[in-house]
Amino acid sequence: MLAAHDDSGGSPSGGLPSHDPVYFQAPDYTHWTVHEVHDPVTPGGRALLFVSSAGFRRVRSFPTDWRRLSPADLWKLSWQR
């Protein structure tokens, strides 16, 4: 499986989330890009945005160390709300 993870544990900008995407391949062989973004529904909130040629998903409840998840765990997380 294809995966790219940021092992730095955070960003150099004082605890703000990194804007660098994580790439992974799902079990159905689609390639996904995951970004942590501002959540327009929750003031000051964050969400994960999963994007592929098949569509996109927004996940509002996710672990702070999501960048360290395996591709299989990212795939499971992408089906959460």
Protein backbone atom coordinates (compact mmCIF):
# COMPACT_ATOMS: atom_id res chain seq x y z
CA MET A 1 0.00 0.00 0.00
CA LEU A 2 1.08 3.53 -0.71
CA ALA A 3 1.35 5.84 2.30
CA ALA A 4 3.16 9.02 3.20
CA HIS A 5 3.22 10.12 6.80
CA ASP A 6 4.65 13.15 8.56
CA ASP A 7 6.51 11.77 11.57
CA SER A 8 7.44 15.17 12.96
CA GLY A 9 4.54 15.03 15.43
CA GLY A 10 3.44 18.58 14.74
CA SER A 11 4.26 21.70 12.87
CA PRO A 12 6.95 24.26 13.55
CA SER A 13 4.26 26.97 13.80
CA GLY A 14 3.64 26.58 17.52
CA GLY A 15 1.20 23.68 17.72
CA LEU A 16 -0.98 24.54 14.75
CA PRO A 17 -1.83 21.58 12.53
CA SER A 18 0.39 20.98 9.53
CA HIS A 19 -1.22 21.75 6.18
CA ASP A 20 0.84 19.07 4.43
CA PRO A 21 -1.42 16.33 3.08
CA VAL A 22 -1.12 12.62 3.78
CA TYR A 23 -1.51 10.25 0.83
CA PHE A 24 -2.66 6.65 1.04
CA GLN A 25 -4.10 3.86 -1.06
CA ALA A 26 -7.40 2.34 0.03
CA PRO A 27 -8.20 -1.38 -0.07
CA ASP A 28 -10.08 -0.81 -3.37
CA TYR A 29 -6.84 0.70 -4.81
CA THR A 30 -8.16 4.28 -4.98
CA HIS A 31 -5.64 6.91 -3.98
CA TRP A 32 -6.68 9.38 -1.31
CA THR A 33 -5.31 12.67 -0.05
CA VAL A 34 -6.09 13.76 3.52
CA HIS A 35 -5.86 17.38 4.74
CA GLU A 36 -6.65 18.89 8.11
CA VAL A 37 -8.82 21.93 7.42
CA HIS A 38 -10.87 24.58 9.20
CA ASP A 39 -14.40 23.27 9.85
CA PRO A 40 -16.87 25.95 8.73
CA VAL A 41 -19.64 24.41 10.85
CA THR A 42 -17.76 24.61 14.17
CA PRO A 43 -16.12 27.96 15.03
CA GLY A 44 -12.45 27.28 15.64
CA GLY A 45 -13.00 23.60 14.84
CA ARG A 46 -10.94 21.36 12.58
CA ALA A 47 -11.93 18.53 10.25
CA LEU A 48 -10.15 16.02 8.08
CA LEU A 49 -10.96 16.24 4.40
CA PHE A 50 -10.45 12.98 2.48
CA VAL A 51 -10.31 13.56 -1.30
CA SER A 52 -10.00 11.14 -4.23
CA SER A 53 -11.20 10.87 -7.81
CA ALA A 54 -14.15 8.90 -6.37
CA GLY A 55 -15.33 11.79 -4.17
CA PHE A 56 -14.64 13.39 -0.82
CA ARG A 57 -15.47 12.93 2.86
CA ARG A 58 -15.28 15.27 5.85
CA VAL A 59 -14.51 13.80 9.27
CA ARG A 60 -14.98 16.03 12.31
CA SER A 61 -14.03 13.59 15.07
CA PHE A 62 -10.48 12.31 14.68
CA PRO A 63 -7.41 11.60 16.84
CA THR A 64 -4.74 14.29 17.14
CA ASP A 65 -2.13 11.81 15.91
CA TRP A 66 -4.10 10.93 12.75
CA ARG A 67 -0.95 11.39 10.65
CA ARG A 68 0.55 8.32 12.30
CA LEU A 69 -2.36 6.03 11.35
CA SER A 70 -1.81 3.19 8.92
CA PRO A 71 -3.51 3.32 5.52
CA ALA A 72 -6.05 0.74 6.76
CA ASP A 73 -6.85 2.88 9.82
CA LEU A 74 -7.11 6.05 7.71
CA TRP A 75 -9.57 4.21 5.46
CA LYS A 76 -11.69 3.22 8.48
CA LEU A 77 -11.51 6.77 9.84
CA SER A 78 -12.67 8.20 6.50
CA TRP A 79 -16.06 6.51 7.03
CA GLN A 80 -16.60 8.27 10.40
CA ARG A 81 -18.41 11.57 10.86
